[in-house]
Amino acid sequence: MTHSVLLAEDDRPIRTALERALTLEGYRVTAVADGIQALAAAHRERPDVILLDVMMPGIDGLQVCQVLRAEQDRTPILMLTARVETADRIAGLDAGADDYVVKPFEVEEVFARLRALLRRTTAGPAADGSGAGAGFAAADETEGTEEAYDARVADSGVVEAADLRIDGPSRRAWRGERELELTRTEFELLELLARNAGIVLDHSTIYDRIWGYDFGPGSKNLAVYVGYLRRKVDVPGSRPLIHTVRGVGYVLRED
């Protein structure tokens, strides 16, 4: 299947190089130079995935992302950013982006992230295994298992762990009575942790199940997403549920 990509990048050399590389990779590419053109193309073309630069004249990439999400457009968005601070990357996730790549980047990394986003979109949550199935143990699979508690999965696809309730088919989640506003990636990460409640999942397992690609020990991608998810799930006054197991990975459990 030939997938369509909307590429929005104001830097002409980068835009031209990416358009050529994506075309050679087999994508059908629409390339634009600013946010206004990006919104118009998104409405007109209905691409399979959007590659969106953050810093563009007029309407920037964050604003484009916010507009599309406000319109309930769930097209996967991969942000391109020269900003390396965690707060800047979090701003992109908060705007509704699914993933990001920091400039300068290797084009193979862009391809890998696009493939992961497209797999999740075309396969769906049940087929791609991002949240389904039995628990996956970490490198030290015994760690945390004695404290494991029941994660109940109803026939309807609803997962319950601690005071979390996650409805897979509708892609909605609650902690207690409070509904959580989650991006696609945040939802899939929380669902994966909840389905494996009490089991420590290592970094490689999480990367494989959520992104379909292990970005290696130097990547901060997972840590950023976990940090942002904690801000939404583990609000002040509530018991922390998402825990870091240093040198291994992450676990969802009540302490």
C-alpha atoms as a PDB file:
ATOM      1  CA  MET A   1       0.000   0.000   0.000  1.00  0.00           C
ATOM      2  CA  THR A   2       1.267   3.471  -0.896  1.00  0.00           C
ATOM      3  CA  HIS A   3       0.830   5.849   2.022  1.00  0.00           C
ATOM      4  CA  SER A   4       0.375   9.582   1.631  1.00  0.00           C
ATOM      5  CA  VAL A   5       2.482  12.023   3.652  1.00  0.00           C
ATOM      6  CA  LEU A   6       1.849  15.712   4.183  1.00  0.00           C
ATOM      7  CA  LEU A   7       5.232  17.373   4.747  1.00  0.00           C
ATOM      8  CA  ALA A   8       5.200  20.911   6.185  1.00  0.00           C
ATOM      9  CA  GLU A   9       8.684  22.453   6.454  1.00  0.00           C
ATOM     10  CA  ASP A  10       9.654  26.076   5.783  1.00  0.00           C
ATOM     11  CA  ASP A  11      13.367  25.370   5.295  1.00  0.00           C
ATOM     12  CA  ARG A  12      13.595  24.717   1.545  1.00  0.00           C
ATOM     13  CA  PRO A  13      16.736  22.495   1.536  1.00  0.00           C
ATOM     14  CA  ILE A  14      15.298  20.298   4.315  1.00  0.00           C
ATOM     15  CA  ARG A  15      11.887  20.194   2.646  1.00  0.00           C
ATOM     16  CA  THR A  16      13.356  19.276  -0.742  1.00  0.00           C
ATOM     17  CA  ALA A  17      15.651  16.614   0.708  1.00  0.00           C
ATOM     18  CA  LEU A  18      12.861  15.037   2.768  1.00  0.00           C
ATOM     19  CA  GLU A  19      10.403  15.118  -0.122  1.00  0.00           C
ATOM     20  CA  ARG A  20      12.921  13.351  -2.358  1.00  0.00           C
ATOM     21  CA  ALA A  21      13.827  10.771   0.302  1.00  0.00           C
ATOM     22  CA  LEU A  22      10.180  10.032   1.136  1.00  0.00           C
ATOM     23  CA  THR A  23       9.289   9.679  -2.539  1.00  0.00           C
ATOM     24  CA  LEU A  24      12.161   7.247  -3.077  1.00  0.00           C
ATOM     25  CA  GLU A  25      10.947   5.316  -0.048  1.00  0.00           C
ATOM     26  CA  GLY A  26       7.601   4.849  -1.769  1.00  0.00           C
ATOM     27  CA  TYR A  27       5.463   7.513  -0.119  1.00  0.00           C
ATOM     28  CA  ARG A  28       3.115   9.835  -1.976  1.00  0.00           C
ATOM     29  CA  VAL A  29       4.227  13.271  -0.752  1.00  0.00           C
ATOM     30  CA  THR A  30       2.547  16.665  -0.604  1.00  0.00           C
ATOM     31  CA  ALA A  31       5.102  19.272   0.490  1.00  0.00           C
ATOM     32  CA  VAL A  32       4.197  22.757   1.760  1.00  0.00           C
ATOM     33  CA  ALA A  33       6.173  25.616   3.258  1.00  0.00           C
ATOM     34  CA  ASP A  34       4.022  27.036   6.080  1.00  0.00           C
ATOM     35  CA  GLY A  35       1.235  26.348   8.518  1.00  0.00           C
ATOM     36  CA  ILE A  36      -1.573  27.896   6.486  1.00  0.00           C
ATOM     37  CA  GLN A  37      -0.722  25.706   3.514  1.00  0.00           C
ATOM     38  CA  ALA A  38      -0.423  22.725   5.844  1.00  0.00           C
ATOM     39  CA  LEU A  39      -3.967  23.161   7.179  1.00  0.00           C
ATOM     40  CA  ALA A  40      -5.369  23.626   3.682  1.00  0.00           C
ATOM     41  CA  ALA A  41      -3.565  20.516   2.431  1.00  0.00           C
ATOM     42  CA  ALA A  42      -4.651  18.467   5.449  1.00  0.00           C
ATOM     43  CA  HIS A  43      -8.293  19.340   4.758  1.00  0.00           C
ATOM     44  CA  ARG A  44      -7.941  18.752   1.030  1.00  0.00           C
ATOM     45  CA  GLU A  45      -5.674  15.716   0.850  1.00  0.00           C
ATOM     46  CA  ARG A  46      -6.591  13.756   3.979  1.00  0.00           C
ATOM     47  CA  PRO A  47      -3.055  12.297   4.273  1.00  0.00           C
ATOM     48  CA  ASP A  48      -2.246   9.070   6.098  1.00  0.00           C
ATOM     49  CA  VAL A  49       0.398  10.802   8.219  1.00  0.00           C
ATOM     50  CA  ILE A  50       1.668  14.362   8.727  1.00  0.00           C
ATOM     51  CA  LEU A  51       5.318  15.370   9.089  1.00  0.00           C
ATOM     52  CA  LEU A  52       5.172  18.800  10.695  1.00  0.00           C
ATOM     53  CA  ASP A  53       7.928  21.297  11.463  1.00  0.00           C
ATOM     54  CA  VAL A  54       7.430  23.237  14.690  1.00  0.00           C
ATOM     55  CA  MET A  55       8.990  26.572  13.677  1.00  0.00           C
ATOM     56  CA  MET A  56       7.144  27.949  10.634  1.00  0.00           C
ATOM     57  CA  PRO A  57       6.061  31.481   9.708  1.00  0.00           C
ATOM     58  CA  GLY A  58       2.509  32.595  10.385  1.00  0.00           C
ATOM     59  CA  ILE A  59       0.811  29.581  11.907  1.00  0.00           C
ATOM     60  CA  ASP A  60       3.482  27.365  13.451  1.00  0.00           C
ATOM     61  CA  GLY A  61       3.460  23.595  13.731  1.00  0.00           C
ATOM     62  CA  LEU A  62       2.046  23.564  17.268  1.00  0.00           C
ATOM     63  CA  GLN A  63      -0.908  25.686  16.171  1.00  0.00           C
ATOM     64  CA  VAL A  64      -1.507  23.473  13.128  1.00  0.00           C
ATOM     65  CA  CYS A  65      -1.552  20.447  15.404  1.00  0.00           C
ATOM     66  CA  GLN A  66      -3.943  22.114  17.861  1.00  0.00           C
ATOM     67  CA  VAL A  67      -6.354  23.106  15.081  1.00  0.00           C
ATOM     68  CA  LEU A  68      -6.442  19.612  13.600  1.00  0.00           C
ATOM     69  CA  ARG A  69      -7.017  17.993  16.982  1.00  0.00           C
ATOM     70  CA  ALA A  70      -9.759  20.508  17.813  1.00  0.00           C
ATOM     71  CA  GLU A  71     -11.435  19.407  14.562  1.00  0.00           C
ATOM     72  CA  GLN A  72     -11.211  15.795  15.816  1.00  0.00           C
ATOM     73  CA  ASP A  73      -8.705  14.988  13.078  1.00  0.00           C
ATOM     74  CA  ARG A  74      -6.748  12.009  14.432  1.00  0.00           C
ATOM     75  CA  THR A  75      -4.223  11.765  11.587  1.00  0.00           C
ATOM     76  CA  PRO A  76      -0.863  10.704  13.108  1.00  0.00           C
ATOM     77  CA  ILE A  77       1.493  13.678  13.433  1.00  0.00           C
ATOM     78  CA  LEU A  78       5.279  13.437  13.647  1.00  0.00           C
ATOM     79  CA  MET A  79       6.803  16.751  14.722  1.00  0.00           C
ATOM     80  CA  LEU A  80      10.180  18.014  13.517  1.00  0.00           C
ATOM     81  CA  THR A  81      11.820  20.303  16.046  1.00  0.00           C
ATOM     82  CA  ALA A  82      15.165  21.982  16.625  1.00  0.00           C
ATOM     83  CA  ARG A  83      14.183  22.563  20.245  1.00  0.00           C
ATOM     84  CA  VAL A  84      15.904  20.055  22.501  1.00  0.00           C
ATOM     85  CA  GLU A  85      14.532  21.102  25.902  1.00  0.00           C
ATOM     86  CA  THR A  86      12.068  18.694  27.469  1.00  0.00           C
ATOM     87  CA  ALA A  87       9.515  21.485  28.013  1.00  0.00           C
ATOM     88  CA  ASP A  88       9.538  22.288  24.296  1.00  0.00           C
ATOM     89  CA  ARG A  89       9.005  18.667  23.338  1.00  0.00           C
ATOM     90  CA  ILE A  90       6.224  18.362  25.897  1.00  0.00           C
ATOM     91  CA  ALA A  91       4.521  21.354  24.269  1.00  0.00           C
ATOM     92  CA  GLY A  92       4.333  19.365  21.044  1.00  0.00           C
ATOM     93  CA  LEU A  93       2.839  16.355  22.807  1.00  0.00           C
ATOM     94  CA  ASP A  94       0.380  18.609  24.611  1.00  0.00           C
ATOM     95  CA  ALA A  95      -0.705  20.055  21.268  1.00  0.00           C
ATOM     96  CA  GLY A  96      -1.668  16.534  20.198  1.00  0.00           C
ATOM     97  CA  ALA A  97       1.405  15.289  18.319  1.00  0.00           C
ATOM     98  CA  ASP A  98       2.037  11.550  18.373  1.00  0.00           C
ATOM     99  CA  ASP A  99       5.830  11.608  18.181  1.00  0.00           C
ATOM    100  CA  TYR A 100       8.747  13.917  17.443  1.00  0.00           C
ATOM    101  CA  VAL A 101      12.196  13.945  15.893  1.00  0.00           C
ATOM    102  CA  VAL A 102      14.870  16.410  16.976  1.00  0.00           C
ATOM    103  CA  LYS A 103      16.927  18.201  14.320  1.00  0.00           C
ATOM    104  CA  PRO A 104      19.455  17.391  13.029  1.00  0.00           C
ATOM    105  CA  PHE A 105      18.130  13.913  12.367  1.00  0.00           C
ATOM    106  CA  GLU A 106      18.957  10.860  10.308  1.00  0.00           C
ATOM    107  CA  VAL A 107      16.377  10.240   7.596  1.00  0.00           C
ATOM    108  CA  GLU A 108      16.262   6.549   8.567  1.00  0.00           C
ATOM    109  CA  GLU A 109      14.979   7.568  11.992  1.00  0.00           C
ATOM    110  CA  VAL A 110      12.207   9.583  10.346  1.00  0.00           C
ATOM    111  CA  PHE A 111      11.291   6.554   8.226  1.00  0.00           C
ATOM    112  CA  ALA A 112      11.239   4.283  11.291  1.00  0.00           C
ATOM    113  CA  ARG A 113       8.959   6.604  13.237  1.00  0.00           C
ATOM    114  CA  LEU A 114       6.619   7.060  10.285  1.00  0.00           C
ATOM    115  CA  ARG A 115       6.368   3.291   9.839  1.00  0.00           C
ATOM    116  CA  ALA A 116       5.560   2.870  13.537  1.00  0.00           C
ATOM    117  CA  LEU A 117       2.825   5.515  13.411  1.00  0.00           C
ATOM    118  CA  LEU A 118       1.302   4.008  10.286  1.00  0.00           C
ATOM    119  CA  ARG A 119       1.345   0.485  11.755  1.00  0.00           C
ATOM    120  CA  ARG A 120      -0.561   1.688  14.781  1.00  0.00           C
ATOM    121  CA  THR A 121      -3.085   3.516  12.624  1.00  0.00           C
ATOM    122  CA  THR A 122      -3.759   0.795  10.062  1.00  0.00           C
ATOM    123  CA  ALA A 123      -3.650  -2.192  12.414  1.00  0.00           C
ATOM    124  CA  GLY A 124      -5.667  -0.723  15.257  1.00  0.00           C
ATOM    125  CA  PRO A 125      -5.192  -1.364  18.975  1.00  0.00           C
ATOM    126  CA  ALA A 126      -6.259  -5.015  18.882  1.00  0.00           C
ATOM    127  CA  ALA A 127      -4.307  -6.093  15.823  1.00  0.00           C
ATOM    128  CA  ASP A 128      -1.041  -4.346  16.480  1.00  0.00           C
ATOM    129  CA  GLY A 129      -0.793  -5.684  20.041  1.00  0.00           C
ATOM    130  CA  SER A 130       0.043  -2.303  21.589  1.00  0.00           C
ATOM    131  CA  GLY A 131      -2.258  -3.004  24.487  1.00  0.00           C
ATOM    132  CA  ALA A 132      -3.618  -6.491  24.059  1.00  0.00           C
ATOM    133  CA  GLY A 133      -2.647  -9.898  25.293  1.00  0.00           C
ATOM    134  CA  ALA A 134      -0.902 -11.275  28.293  1.00  0.00           C
ATOM    135  CA  GLY A 135       1.710  -9.482  30.364  1.00  0.00           C
ATOM    136  CA  PHE A 136       5.246  -9.106  29.119  1.00  0.00           C
ATOM    137  CA  ALA A 137       7.899  -9.447  31.783  1.00  0.00           C
ATOM    138  CA  ALA A 138      10.956  -7.238  31.882  1.00  0.00           C
ATOM    139  CA  ALA A 139      14.588  -8.306  31.930  1.00  0.00           C
ATOM    140  CA  ASP A 140      14.157  -8.956  35.653  1.00  0.00           C
ATOM    141  CA  GLU A 141      10.649 -10.340  35.405  1.00  0.00           C
ATOM    142  CA  THR A 142      10.370 -11.216  39.060  1.00  0.00           C
ATOM    143  CA  GLU A 143      10.776  -7.639  40.216  1.00  0.00           C
ATOM    144  CA  GLY A 144       7.446  -6.262  41.339  1.00  0.00           C
ATOM    145  CA  THR A 145       5.452  -9.441  40.689  1.00  0.00           C
ATOM    146  CA  GLU A 146       4.896 -10.170  44.379  1.00  0.00           C
ATOM    147  CA  GLU A 147       3.162  -6.800  44.652  1.00  0.00           C
ATOM    148  CA  ALA A 148       1.149  -7.320  41.503  1.00  0.00           C
ATOM    149  CA  TYR A 149      -2.569  -6.724  41.750  1.00  0.00           C
ATOM    150  CA  ASP A 150      -5.373  -7.791  39.493  1.00  0.00           C
ATOM    151  CA  ALA A 151      -5.869  -5.934  36.241  1.00  0.00           C
ATOM    152  CA  ARG A 152      -9.389  -6.868  35.253  1.00  0.00           C
ATOM    153  CA  VAL A 153     -10.165  -6.968  31.549  1.00  0.00           C
ATOM    154  CA  ALA A 154     -13.847  -7.146  30.686  1.00  0.00           C
ATOM    155  CA  ASP A 155     -15.161  -8.742  27.518  1.00  0.00           C
ATOM    156  CA  SER A 156     -16.018  -5.221  26.354  1.00  0.00           C
ATOM    157  CA  GLY A 157     -12.318  -4.335  26.210  1.00  0.00           C
ATOM    158  CA  VAL A 158     -12.393  -2.258  29.414  1.00  0.00           C
ATOM    159  CA  VAL A 159      -9.280  -2.561  31.599  1.00  0.00           C
ATOM    160  CA  GLU A 160      -9.402  -1.773  35.318  1.00  0.00           C
ATOM    161  CA  ALA A 161      -6.296  -1.440  37.463  1.00  0.00           C
ATOM    162  CA  ALA A 162      -6.252   0.301  40.849  1.00  0.00           C
ATOM    163  CA  ASP A 163      -8.678   3.235  40.360  1.00  0.00           C
ATOM    164  CA  LEU A 164      -7.940   3.417  36.625  1.00  0.00           C
ATOM    165  CA  ARG A 165     -10.547   2.456  34.046  1.00  0.00           C
ATOM    166  CA  ILE A 166      -9.529   2.265  30.399  1.00  0.00           C
ATOM    167  CA  ASP A 167     -12.008   1.720  27.575  1.00  0.00           C
ATOM    168  CA  GLY A 168      -9.996   0.408  24.626  1.00  0.00           C
ATOM    169  CA  PRO A 169     -12.688   0.571  21.910  1.00  0.00           C
ATOM    170  CA  SER A 170     -13.580   4.206  22.651  1.00  0.00           C
ATOM    171  CA  ARG A 171      -9.986   5.142  23.573  1.00  0.00           C
ATOM    172  CA  ARG A 172     -11.077   6.858  26.787  1.00  0.00           C
ATOM    173  CA  ALA A 173      -9.573   6.584  30.255  1.00  0.00           C
ATOM    174  CA  TRP A 174     -10.529   7.663  33.767  1.00  0.00           C
ATOM    175  CA  ARG A 175      -8.815   7.826  37.117  1.00  0.00           C
ATOM    176  CA  GLY A 176     -11.593   7.623  39.633  1.00  0.00           C
ATOM    177  CA  GLU A 177     -14.295   9.945  38.323  1.00  0.00           C
ATOM    178  CA  ARG A 178     -11.824  12.158  36.428  1.00  0.00           C
ATOM    179  CA  GLU A 179     -11.529  11.554  32.696  1.00  0.00           C
ATOM    180  CA  LEU A 180      -7.978  11.792  31.371  1.00  0.00           C
ATOM    181  CA  GLU A 181      -7.234  13.837  28.260  1.00  0.00           C
ATOM    182  CA  LEU A 182      -4.639  11.693  26.503  1.00  0.00           C
ATOM    183  CA  THR A 183      -2.935  11.761  23.137  1.00  0.00           C
ATOM    184  CA  ARG A 184      -2.853   8.567  21.060  1.00  0.00           C
ATOM    185  CA  THR A 185       0.599   7.572  22.321  1.00  0.00           C
ATOM    186  CA  GLU A 186      -0.197   8.421  25.946  1.00  0.00           C
ATOM    187  CA  PHE A 187      -3.347   6.302  25.794  1.00  0.00           C
ATOM    188  CA  GLU A 188      -1.516   3.308  24.338  1.00  0.00           C
ATOM    189  CA  LEU A 189       1.283   3.617  26.894  1.00  0.00           C
ATOM    190  CA  LEU A 190      -1.157   3.805  29.808  1.00  0.00           C
ATOM    191  CA  GLU A 191      -3.177   0.869  28.463  1.00  0.00           C
ATOM    192  CA  LEU A 192      -0.025  -1.233  28.082  1.00  0.00           C
ATOM    193  CA  LEU A 193       1.069  -0.496  31.655  1.00  0.00           C
ATOM    194  CA  ALA A 194      -2.430  -1.147  33.038  1.00  0.00           C
ATOM    195  CA  ARG A 195      -2.813  -4.474  31.231  1.00  0.00           C
ATOM    196  CA  ASN A 196       0.511  -5.506  32.783  1.00  0.00           C
ATOM    197  CA  ALA A 197      -0.164  -3.972  36.200  1.00  0.00           C
ATOM    198  CA  GLY A 198       2.436  -4.998  38.762  1.00  0.00           C
ATOM    199  CA  ILE A 199       4.875  -6.270  36.123  1.00  0.00           C
ATOM    200  CA  VAL A 200       8.014  -4.275  35.327  1.00  0.00           C
ATOM    201  CA  LEU A 201       8.201  -3.641  31.582  1.00  0.00           C
ATOM    202  CA  ASP A 202      11.673  -2.920  30.257  1.00  0.00           C
ATOM    203  CA  HIS A 203      12.443  -0.093  27.849  1.00  0.00           C
ATOM    204  CA  SER A 204      12.849  -2.369  24.830  1.00  0.00           C
ATOM    205  CA  THR A 205       9.500  -4.054  25.419  1.00  0.00           C
ATOM    206  CA  ILE A 206       7.680  -0.727  25.687  1.00  0.00           C
ATOM    207  CA  TYR A 207       9.384   0.707  22.611  1.00  0.00           C
ATOM    208  CA  ASP A 208       8.491  -2.403  20.625  1.00  0.00           C
ATOM    209  CA  ARG A 209       4.848  -2.495  21.745  1.00  0.00           C
ATOM    210  CA  ILE A 210       4.149   1.246  21.398  1.00  0.00           C
ATOM    211  CA  TRP A 211       6.438   2.413  18.601  1.00  0.00           C
ATOM    212  CA  GLY A 212       7.347  -0.864  16.934  1.00  0.00           C
ATOM    213  CA  TYR A 213      10.995   0.189  17.025  1.00  0.00           C
ATOM    214  CA  ASP A 214      13.670   0.377  19.735  1.00  0.00           C
ATOM    215  CA  PHE A 215      15.320   3.783  19.531  1.00  0.00           C
ATOM    216  CA  GLY A 216      18.223   2.667  21.694  1.00  0.00           C
ATOM    217  CA  PRO A 217      19.582   3.526  25.137  1.00  0.00           C
ATOM    218  CA  GLY A 218      20.403   7.128  24.195  1.00  0.00           C
ATOM    219  CA  SER A 219      16.810   8.051  23.349  1.00  0.00           C
ATOM    220  CA  LYS A 220      14.827  10.162  25.818  1.00  0.00           C
ATOM    221  CA  ASN A 221      11.584   9.632  23.919  1.00  0.00           C
ATOM    222  CA  LEU A 222      10.071   7.160  26.385  1.00  0.00           C
ATOM    223  CA  ALA A 223      11.110   9.162  29.452  1.00  0.00           C
ATOM    224  CA  VAL A 224       9.420  12.265  28.056  1.00  0.00           C
ATOM    225  CA  TYR A 225       6.167  10.397  27.407  1.00  0.00           C
ATOM    226  CA  VAL A 226       6.196   8.737  30.830  1.00  0.00           C
ATOM    227  CA  GLY A 227       6.855  12.090  32.490  1.00  0.00           C
ATOM    228  CA  TYR A 228       4.009  13.721  30.671  1.00  0.00           C
ATOM    229  CA  LEU A 229       1.664  10.813  31.357  1.00  0.00           C
ATOM    230  CA  ARG A 230       2.460  11.083  35.058  1.00  0.00           C
ATOM    231  CA  ARG A 231       1.422  14.735  35.013  1.00  0.00           C
ATOM    232  CA  LYS A 232      -2.011  13.653  33.838  1.00  0.00           C
ATOM    233  CA  VAL A 233      -2.457  10.441  35.846  1.00  0.00           C
ATOM    234  CA  ASP A 234      -0.567  11.022  39.101  1.00  0.00           C
ATOM    235  CA  VAL A 235      -1.920  14.442  40.031  1.00  0.00           C
ATOM    236  CA  PRO A 236      -1.089  15.957  43.454  1.00  0.00           C
ATOM    237  CA  GLY A 237      -3.172  14.380  46.199  1.00  0.00           C
ATOM    238  CA  SER A 238      -3.469  11.005  44.492  1.00  0.00           C
ATOM    239  CA  ARG A 239      -1.364   7.898  45.029  1.00  0.00           C
ATOM    240  CA  PRO A 240       1.361   7.562  42.381  1.00  0.00           C
ATOM    241  CA  LEU A 241       0.684   4.668  40.031  1.00  0.00           C
ATOM    242  CA  ILE A 242       3.467   4.922  37.440  1.00  0.00           C
ATOM    243  CA  HIS A 243       6.870   4.025  38.864  1.00  0.00           C
ATOM    244  CA  THR A 244      10.396   3.951  37.467  1.00  0.00           C
ATOM    245  CA  VAL A 245      12.523   0.885  38.111  1.00  0.00           C
ATOM    246  CA  ARG A 246      16.004   2.259  37.572  1.00  0.00           C
ATOM    247  CA  GLY A 247      18.035   0.497  34.943  1.00  0.00           C
ATOM    248  CA  VAL A 248      15.046  -1.623  33.885  1.00  0.00           C
ATOM    249  CA  GLY A 249      11.894   0.223  32.916  1.00  0.00           C
ATOM    250  CA  TYR A 250       8.451   1.164  34.266  1.00  0.00           C
ATOM    251  CA  VAL A 251       5.595  -0.431  36.200  1.00  0.00           C
ATOM    252  CA  LEU A 252       2.048   0.555  37.089  1.00  0.00           C
ATOM    253  CA  ARG A 253       1.193  -0.349  40.675  1.00  0.00           C
ATOM    254  CA  GLU A 254      -0.031   1.125  43.950  1.00  0.00           C
ATOM    255  CA  ASP A 255       2.608   1.506  46.651  1.00  0.00           C
END
